[in-house]
Structures are given as structure tokens and as C-alpha cells.
Amino acid sequence: MQYDLQVLYNTASISRMSDDPDETQVLASQLRDTLSKVLRRAERGEATVIKRYKDTVAVVISPEDYEDLKRLRAAEAEEERT
């Protein structure tokens, strides 16, 4: 299944196809110009994937999502120890 994917370049956005309709991607080389948009998305609880060429190098998420991820990883690590 294919959905529209927004890719941010400076102030313009370009439609791409992706399996995730909610995913937004930014090229690392364009991050300086789009950082305020990326941060606003994180504040709204939306993730932004940072790409260098075709490789994912980072994901910007909200502090709440980050705390949830840390708790999940801690629970998984605890489960592996038992």
C-alpha cells in the first residue's frame, strides 16, 4: 500500500511515496533550514525522520515519546534478565 509522504526542503515540501502515511522525512543537509518546523512537529507529538542520502541517521521525537521509549527499553532489558 502506498501513501503520500511529505519531505521538507527549505520551505517547500515534495510528495513522495512511503508505506507510512504519517512519516515526514528531512534530508540532513536541509535540517538547518527546517529545524523550527521539525521541532514544532515534535512538540505536537509527530516524529520526523532525518535522512542522509537514503539512510536514516536520526529521528526527532517528542520528550514524551522519548521517555516512553526509554521505559520500553528498560522493561525489555529487565525481561531478558529474568
PDB file of N, CA and C in Angstrom:
ATOM      1  N   MET A   1       0.847  -1.173   0.000  1.00  0.00           N
ATOM      2  CA  MET A   1       0.000   0.000   0.000  1.00  0.00           C
ATOM      3  C   MET A   1       0.892   1.235   0.000  1.00  0.00           C
ATOM      4  N   GLN A   2       0.547   2.274  -0.759  1.00  0.00           N
ATOM      5  CA  GLN A   2       1.364   3.472  -0.855  1.00  0.00           C
ATOM      6  C   GLN A   2       0.576   4.686  -0.391  1.00  0.00           C
ATOM      7  N   TYR A   3       1.259   5.584   0.292  1.00  0.00           N
ATOM      8  CA  TYR A   3       0.649   6.801   0.800  1.00  0.00           C
ATOM      9  C   TYR A   3       1.545   7.979   0.449  1.00  0.00           C
ATOM     10  N   ASP A   4       0.989   9.186   0.538  1.00  0.00           N
ATOM     11  CA  ASP A   4       1.805  10.386   0.368  1.00  0.00           C
ATOM     12  C   ASP A   4       2.719  10.544   1.566  1.00  0.00           C
ATOM     13  N   LEU A   5       3.914  11.013   1.308  1.00  0.00           N
ATOM     14  CA  LEU A   5       4.897  11.280   2.346  1.00  0.00           C
ATOM     15  C   LEU A   5       5.441  12.665   2.105  1.00  0.00           C
ATOM     16  N   GLN A   6       5.422  13.518   3.116  1.00  0.00           N
ATOM     17  CA  GLN A   6       5.966  14.858   2.956  1.00  0.00           C
ATOM     18  C   GLN A   6       7.455  14.822   3.229  1.00  0.00           C
ATOM     19  N   VAL A   7       8.212  15.420   2.345  1.00  0.00           N
ATOM     20  CA  VAL A   7       9.641  15.596   2.546  1.00  0.00           C
ATOM     21  C   VAL A   7       9.888  17.086   2.533  1.00  0.00           C
ATOM     22  N   LEU A   8      10.503  17.613   3.583  1.00  0.00           N
ATOM     23  CA  LEU A   8      10.692  19.047   3.705  1.00  0.00           C
ATOM     24  C   LEU A   8      12.020  19.468   3.089  1.00  0.00           C
ATOM     25  N   TYR A   9      11.984  20.448   2.231  1.00  0.00           N
ATOM     26  CA  TYR A   9      13.173  21.064   1.654  1.00  0.00           C
ATOM     27  C   TYR A   9      13.007  22.563   1.828  1.00  0.00           C
ATOM     28  N   ASN A  10      13.860  23.179   2.622  1.00  0.00           N
ATOM     29  CA  ASN A  10      13.727  24.597   2.930  1.00  0.00           C
ATOM     30  C   ASN A  10      12.286  24.864   3.351  1.00  0.00           C
ATOM     31  N   THR A  11      11.570  25.704   2.630  1.00  0.00           N
ATOM     32  CA  THR A  11      10.180  25.978   2.996  1.00  0.00           C
ATOM     33  C   THR A  11       9.197  25.215   2.117  1.00  0.00           C
ATOM     34  N   ALA A  12       9.684  24.479   1.153  1.00  0.00           N
ATOM     35  CA  ALA A  12       8.805  23.737   0.247  1.00  0.00           C
ATOM     36  C   ALA A  12       8.689  22.291   0.714  1.00  0.00           C
ATOM     37  N   SER A  13       7.649  21.621   0.304  1.00  0.00           N
ATOM     38  CA  SER A  13       7.531  20.193   0.580  1.00  0.00           C
ATOM     39  C   SER A  13       7.287  19.465  -0.736  1.00  0.00           C
ATOM     40  N   ILE A  14       7.810  18.265  -0.814  1.00  0.00           N
ATOM     41  CA  ILE A  14       7.706  17.459  -2.018  1.00  0.00           C
ATOM     42  C   ILE A  14       7.026  16.153  -1.654  1.00  0.00           C
ATOM     43  N   SER A  15       6.043  15.734  -2.428  1.00  0.00           N
ATOM     44  CA  SER A  15       5.355  14.471  -2.164  1.00  0.00           C
ATOM     45  C   SER A  15       6.213  13.301  -2.618  1.00  0.00           C
ATOM     46  N   ARG A  16       6.263  12.282  -1.804  1.00  0.00           N
ATOM     47  CA  ARG A  16       6.952  11.037  -2.122  1.00  0.00           C
ATOM     48  C   ARG A  16       6.007   9.899  -1.741  1.00  0.00           C
ATOM     49  N   MET A  17       6.364   8.691  -2.084  1.00  0.00           N
ATOM     50  CA  MET A  17       5.554   7.540  -1.723  1.00  0.00           C
ATOM     51  C   MET A  17       6.254   6.775  -0.602  1.00  0.00           C
ATOM     52  N   SER A  18       5.490   6.318   0.375  1.00  0.00           N
ATOM     53  CA  SER A  18       6.025   5.574   1.512  1.00  0.00           C
ATOM     54  C   SER A  18       4.957   4.642   2.043  1.00  0.00           C
ATOM     55  N   ASP A  19       5.378   3.682   2.844  1.00  0.00           N
ATOM     56  CA  ASP A  19       4.420   2.778   3.484  1.00  0.00           C
ATOM     57  C   ASP A  19       3.766   3.414   4.704  1.00  0.00           C
ATOM     58  N   ASP A  20       4.345   4.494   5.236  1.00  0.00           N
ATOM     59  CA  ASP A  20       3.830   5.139   6.437  1.00  0.00           C
ATOM     60  C   ASP A  20       3.239   6.501   6.087  1.00  0.00           C
ATOM     61  N   PRO A  21       1.922   6.644   6.189  1.00  0.00           N
ATOM     62  CA  PRO A  21       1.289   7.905   5.786  1.00  0.00           C
ATOM     63  C   PRO A  21       1.597   9.067   6.721  1.00  0.00           C
ATOM     64  N   ASP A  22       2.027   8.781   7.938  1.00  0.00           N
ATOM     65  CA  ASP A  22       2.277   9.832   8.921  1.00  0.00           C
ATOM     66  C   ASP A  22       3.739  10.233   9.014  1.00  0.00           C
ATOM     67  N   GLU A  23       4.590   9.599   8.242  1.00  0.00           N
ATOM     68  CA  GLU A  23       6.017   9.852   8.358  1.00  0.00           C
ATOM     69  C   GLU A  23       6.436  11.072   7.544  1.00  0.00           C
ATOM     70  N   THR A  24       7.230  11.913   8.161  1.00  0.00           N
ATOM     71  CA  THR A  24       7.829  13.057   7.475  1.00  0.00           C
ATOM     72  C   THR A  24       9.328  12.855   7.508  1.00  0.00           C
ATOM     73  N   GLN A  25       9.974  13.130   6.401  1.00  0.00           N
ATOM     74  CA  GLN A  25      11.415  12.975   6.308  1.00  0.00           C
ATOM     75  C   GLN A  25      12.050  14.306   5.942  1.00  0.00           C
ATOM     76  N   VAL A  26      13.256  14.530   6.451  1.00  0.00           N
ATOM     77  CA  VAL A  26      14.045  15.711   6.142  1.00  0.00           C
ATOM     78  C   VAL A  26      15.445  15.237   5.805  1.00  0.00           C
ATOM     79  N   LEU A  27      16.014  15.783   4.753  1.00  0.00           N
ATOM     80  CA  LEU A  27      17.404  15.473   4.441  1.00  0.00           C
ATOM     81  C   LEU A  27      18.306  16.179   5.452  1.00  0.00           C
ATOM     82  N   ALA A  28      19.343  15.493   5.920  1.00  0.00           N
ATOM     83  CA  ALA A  28      20.255  16.085   6.889  1.00  0.00           C
ATOM     84  C   ALA A  28      20.832  17.399   6.380  1.00  0.00           C
ATOM     85  N   SER A  29      21.098  17.477   5.099  1.00  0.00           N
ATOM     86  CA  SER A  29      21.667  18.701   4.524  1.00  0.00           C
ATOM     87  C   SER A  29      20.690  19.870   4.578  1.00  0.00           C
ATOM     88  N   GLN A  30      19.399  19.610   4.736  1.00  0.00           N
ATOM     89  CA  GLN A  30      18.379  20.657   4.793  1.00  0.00           C
ATOM     90  C   GLN A  30      17.886  20.924   6.208  1.00  0.00           C
ATOM     91  N   LEU A  31      18.412  20.202   7.182  1.00  0.00           N
ATOM     92  CA  LEU A  31      17.895  20.300   8.550  1.00  0.00           C
ATOM     93  C   LEU A  31      18.025  21.704   9.127  1.00  0.00           C
ATOM     94  N   ARG A  32      19.119  22.385   8.856  1.00  0.00           N
ATOM     95  CA  ARG A  32      19.301  23.742   9.387  1.00  0.00           C
ATOM     96  C   ARG A  32      18.151  24.649   8.964  1.00  0.00           C
ATOM     97  N   ASP A  33      17.723  24.515   7.725  1.00  0.00           N
ATOM     98  CA  ASP A  33      16.663  25.376   7.204  1.00  0.00           C
ATOM     99  C   ASP A  33      15.267  24.959   7.674  1.00  0.00           C
ATOM    100  N   THR A  34      15.118  23.742   8.139  1.00  0.00           N
ATOM    101  CA  THR A  34      13.794  23.241   8.516  1.00  0.00           C
ATOM    102  C   THR A  34      13.678  22.908   9.996  1.00  0.00           C
ATOM    103  N   LEU A  35      14.715  23.224  10.787  1.00  0.00           N
ATOM    104  CA  LEU A  35      14.728  22.809  12.184  1.00  0.00           C
ATOM    105  C   LEU A  35      13.521  23.312  12.963  1.00  0.00           C
ATOM    106  N   SER A  36      13.110  24.544  12.759  1.00  0.00           N
ATOM    107  CA  SER A  36      11.961  25.056  13.516  1.00  0.00           C
ATOM    108  C   SER A  36      10.698  24.250  13.201  1.00  0.00           C
ATOM    109  N   LYS A  37      10.515  23.849  11.944  1.00  0.00           N
ATOM    110  CA  LYS A  37       9.361  23.014  11.585  1.00  0.00           C
ATOM    111  C   LYS A  37       9.458  21.641  12.242  1.00  0.00           C
ATOM    112  N   VAL A  38      10.650  21.076  12.234  1.00  0.00           N
ATOM    113  CA  VAL A  38      10.870  19.756  12.839  1.00  0.00           C
ATOM    114  C   VAL A  38      10.564  19.818  14.333  1.00  0.00           C
ATOM    115  N   LEU A  39      11.024  20.864  15.004  1.00  0.00           N
ATOM    116  CA  LEU A  39      10.773  21.000  16.441  1.00  0.00           C
ATOM    117  C   LEU A  39       9.296  21.206  16.739  1.00  0.00           C
ATOM    118  N   ARG A  40       8.604  21.979  15.914  1.00  0.00           N
ATOM    119  CA  ARG A  40       7.151  22.151  16.112  1.00  0.00           C
ATOM    120  C   ARG A  40       6.418  20.834  15.954  1.00  0.00           C
ATOM    121  N   ARG A  41       6.857  20.026  14.982  1.00  0.00           N
ATOM    122  CA  ARG A  41       6.242  18.706  14.801  1.00  0.00           C
ATOM    123  C   ARG A  41       6.464  17.853  16.044  1.00  0.00           C
ATOM    124  N   ALA A  42       7.663  17.885  16.603  1.00  0.00           N
ATOM    125  CA  ALA A  42       7.964  17.109  17.813  1.00  0.00           C
ATOM    126  C   ALA A  42       7.091  17.572  18.975  1.00  0.00           C
ATOM    127  N   GLU A  43       6.904  18.881  19.102  1.00  0.00           N
ATOM    128  CA  GLU A  43       6.046  19.410  20.165  1.00  0.00           C
ATOM    129  C   GLU A  43       4.614  18.907  20.033  1.00  0.00           C
ATOM    130  N   ARG A  44       4.182  18.653  18.796  1.00  0.00           N
ATOM    131  CA  ARG A  44       2.824  18.123  18.562  1.00  0.00           C
ATOM    132  C   ARG A  44       2.777  16.602  18.682  1.00  0.00           C
ATOM    133  N   GLY A  45       3.914  15.979  18.996  1.00  0.00           N
ATOM    134  CA  GLY A  45       3.940  14.524  19.133  1.00  0.00           C
ATOM    135  C   GLY A  45       4.170  13.796  17.829  1.00  0.00           C
ATOM    136  N   GLU A  46       4.631  14.503  16.801  1.00  0.00           N
ATOM    137  CA  GLU A  46       4.872  13.901  15.494  1.00  0.00           C
ATOM    138  C   GLU A  46       6.368  13.652  15.306  1.00  0.00           C
ATOM    139  N   ALA A  47       6.726  12.499  14.796  1.00  0.00           N
ATOM    140  CA  ALA A  47       8.127  12.154  14.563  1.00  0.00           C
ATOM    141  C   ALA A  47       8.577  12.645  13.193  1.00  0.00           C
ATOM    142  N   THR A  48       9.859  12.983  13.096  1.00  0.00           N
ATOM    143  CA  THR A  48      10.464  13.362  11.820  1.00  0.00           C
ATOM    144  C   THR A  48      11.720  12.532  11.619  1.00  0.00           C
ATOM    145  N   VAL A  49      11.814  11.852  10.494  1.00  0.00           N
ATOM    146  CA  VAL A  49      12.964  11.014  10.157  1.00  0.00           C
ATOM    147  C   VAL A  49      13.992  11.892   9.443  1.00  0.00           C
ATOM    148  N   ILE A  50      15.249  11.836   9.918  1.00  0.00           N
ATOM    149  CA  ILE A  50      16.340  12.593   9.299  1.00  0.00           C
ATOM    150  C   ILE A  50      17.127  11.621   8.430  1.00  0.00           C
ATOM    151  N   LYS A  51      17.262  11.968   7.153  1.00  0.00           N
ATOM    152  CA  LYS A  51      17.928  11.092   6.185  1.00  0.00           C
ATOM    153  C   LYS A  51      19.223  11.718   5.688  1.00  0.00           C
ATOM    154  N   ARG A  52      20.222  10.899   5.472  1.00  0.00           N
ATOM    155  CA  ARG A  52      21.425  11.300   4.741  1.00  0.00           C
ATOM    156  C   ARG A  52      21.461  10.377   3.540  1.00  0.00           C
ATOM    157  N   TYR A  53      21.246  10.958   2.389  1.00  0.00           N
ATOM    158  CA  TYR A  53      21.047  10.198   1.156  1.00  0.00           C
ATOM    159  C   TYR A  53      19.830   9.313   1.367  1.00  0.00           C
ATOM    160  N   LYS A  54      19.944   7.997   1.306  1.00  0.00           N
ATOM    161  CA  LYS A  54      18.783   7.131   1.519  1.00  0.00           C
ATOM    162  C   LYS A  54      18.776   6.505   2.904  1.00  0.00           C
ATOM    163  N   ASP A  55      19.808   6.804   3.704  1.00  0.00           N
ATOM    164  CA  ASP A  55      19.946   6.178   5.022  1.00  0.00           C
ATOM    165  C   ASP A  55      19.320   7.037   6.113  1.00  0.00           C
ATOM    166  N   THR A  56      18.567   6.404   7.005  1.00  0.00           N
ATOM    167  CA  THR A  56      18.045   7.088   8.180  1.00  0.00           C
ATOM    168  C   THR A  56      19.183   7.253   9.173  1.00  0.00           C
ATOM    169  N   VAL A  57      19.422   8.486   9.627  1.00  0.00           N
ATOM    170  CA  VAL A  57      20.502   8.747  10.573  1.00  0.00           C
ATOM    171  C   VAL A  57      19.979   9.175  11.941  1.00  0.00           C
ATOM    172  N   ALA A  58      18.724   9.621  12.019  1.00  0.00           N
ATOM    173  CA  ALA A  58      18.146  10.041  13.298  1.00  0.00           C
ATOM    174  C   ALA A  58      16.637  10.173  13.149  1.00  0.00           C
ATOM    175  N   VAL A  59      15.974  10.226  14.289  1.00  0.00           N
ATOM    176  CA  VAL A  59      14.546  10.506  14.325  1.00  0.00           C
ATOM    177  C   VAL A  59      14.313  11.507  15.448  1.00  0.00           C
ATOM    178  N   VAL A  60      13.634  12.603  15.152  1.00  0.00           N
ATOM    179  CA  VAL A  60      13.309  13.603  16.159  1.00  0.00           C
ATOM    180  C   VAL A  60      11.905  13.288  16.669  1.00  0.00           C
ATOM    181  N   ILE A  61      11.806  13.070  17.987  1.00  0.00           N
ATOM    182  CA  ILE A  61      10.523  12.743  18.608  1.00  0.00           C
ATOM    183  C   ILE A  61      10.303  13.661  19.804  1.00  0.00           C
ATOM    184  N   SER A  62       9.090  13.652  20.320  1.00  0.00           N
ATOM    185  CA  SER A  62       8.760  14.480  21.481  1.00  0.00           C
ATOM    186  C   SER A  62       9.442  13.916  22.731  1.00  0.00           C
ATOM    187  N   PRO A  63       9.630  14.751  23.748  1.00  0.00           N
ATOM    188  CA  PRO A  63      10.189  14.250  25.006  1.00  0.00           C
ATOM    189  C   PRO A  63       9.336  13.132  25.612  1.00  0.00           C
ATOM    190  N   GLU A  64       8.026  13.245  25.462  1.00  0.00           N
ATOM    191  CA  GLU A  64       7.140  12.200  25.993  1.00  0.00           C
ATOM    192  C   GLU A  64       7.373  10.869  25.281  1.00  0.00           C
ATOM    193  N   ASP A  65       7.500  10.909  23.958  1.00  0.00           N
ATOM    194  CA  ASP A  65       7.767   9.683  23.211  1.00  0.00           C
ATOM    195  C   ASP A  65       9.126   9.104  23.568  1.00  0.00           C
ATOM    196  N   TYR A  66      10.101   9.988  23.809  1.00  0.00           N
ATOM    197  CA  TYR A  66      11.433   9.539  24.206  1.00  0.00           C
ATOM    198  C   TYR A  66      11.385   8.838  25.570  1.00  0.00           C
ATOM    199  N   GLU A  67      10.650   9.419  26.515  1.00  0.00           N
ATOM    200  CA  GLU A  67      10.518   8.786  27.835  1.00  0.00           C
ATOM    201  C   GLU A  67       9.813   7.436  27.717  1.00  0.00           C
ATOM    202  N   ASP A  68       8.775   7.356  26.882  1.00  0.00           N
ATOM    203  CA  ASP A  68       8.089   6.079  26.646  1.00  0.00           C
ATOM    204  C   ASP A  68       9.052   5.041  26.071  1.00  0.00           C
ATOM    205  N   LEU A  69       9.877   5.460  25.128  1.00  0.00           N
ATOM    206  CA  LEU A  69      10.851   4.561  24.520  1.00  0.00           C
ATOM    207  C   LEU A  69      11.865   4.067  25.544  1.00  0.00           C
ATOM    208  N   LYS A  70      12.339   4.965  26.403  1.00  0.00           N
ATOM    209  CA  LYS A  70      13.290   4.558  27.447  1.00  0.00           C
ATOM    210  C   LYS A  70      12.656   3.547  28.399  1.00  0.00           C
ATOM    211  N   ARG A  71      11.394   3.779  28.797  1.00  0.00           N
ATOM    212  CA  ARG A  71      10.702   2.836  29.687  1.00  0.00           C
ATOM    213  C   ARG A  71      10.532   1.475  29.012  1.00  0.00           C
ATOM    214  N   LEU A  72      10.171   1.484  27.740  1.00  0.00           N
ATOM    215  CA  LEU A  72      10.003   0.237  26.996  1.00  0.00           C
ATOM    216  C   LEU A  72      11.313  -0.536  26.920  1.00  0.00           C
ATOM    217  N   ARG A  73      12.407   0.165  26.597  1.00  0.00           N
ATOM    218  CA  ARG A  73      13.707  -0.495  26.528  1.00  0.00           C
ATOM    219  C   ARG A  73      14.122  -1.050  27.884  1.00  0.00           C
ATOM    220  N   ALA A  74      13.859  -0.312  28.963  1.00  0.00           N
ATOM    221  CA  ALA A  74      14.197  -0.787  30.309  1.00  0.00           C
ATOM    222  C   ALA A  74      13.383  -2.030  30.656  1.00  0.00           C
ATOM    223  N   ALA A  75      12.103  -2.023  30.291  1.00  0.00           N
ATOM    224  CA  ALA A  75      11.250  -3.190  30.569  1.00  0.00           C
ATOM    225  C   ALA A  75      11.718  -4.403  29.773  1.00  0.00           C
ATOM    226  N   GLU A  76      12.110  -4.190  28.516  1.00  0.00           N
ATOM    227  CA  GLU A  76      12.613  -5.300  27.703  1.00  0.00           C
ATOM    228  C   GLU A  76      13.918  -5.842  28.260  1.00  0.00           C
ATOM    229  N   ALA A  77      14.791  -4.958  28.717  1.00  0.00           N
ATOM    230  CA  ALA A  77      16.069  -5.391  29.308  1.00  0.00           C
ATOM    231  C   ALA A  77      15.825  -6.171  30.588  1.00  0.00           C
ATOM    232  N   GLU A  78      14.886  -5.724  31.389  1.00  0.00           N
ATOM    233  CA  GLU A  78      14.538  -6.431  32.631  1.00  0.00           C
ATOM    234  C   GLU A  78      13.958  -7.807  32.321  1.00  0.00           C
ATOM    235  N   GLU A  79      13.132  -7.882  31.308  1.00  0.00           N
ATOM    236  CA  GLU A  79      12.528  -9.153  30.909  1.00  0.00           C
ATOM    237  C   GLU A  79      13.600 -10.147  30.431  1.00  0.00           C
ATOM    238  N   GLU A  80      14.598  -9.638  29.716  1.00  0.00           N
ATOM    239  CA  GLU A  80      15.671 -10.508  29.234  1.00  0.00           C
ATOM    240  C   GLU A  80      16.512 -11.057  30.386  1.00  0.00           C
ATOM    241  N   ARG A  81      16.635 -10.277  31.467  1.00  0.00           N
ATOM    242  CA  ARG A  81      17.422 -10.716  32.638  1.00  0.00           C
ATOM    243  C   ARG A  81      16.713 -11.802  33.421  1.00  0.00           C
ATOM    244  N   THR A  82      15.396 -11.881  33.308  1.00  0.00           N
ATOM    245  CA  THR A  82      14.658 -12.886  34.103  1.00  0.00           C
ATOM    246  C   THR A  82      14.409 -14.143  33.336  1.00  0.00           C
TER     247      THR A  82
END
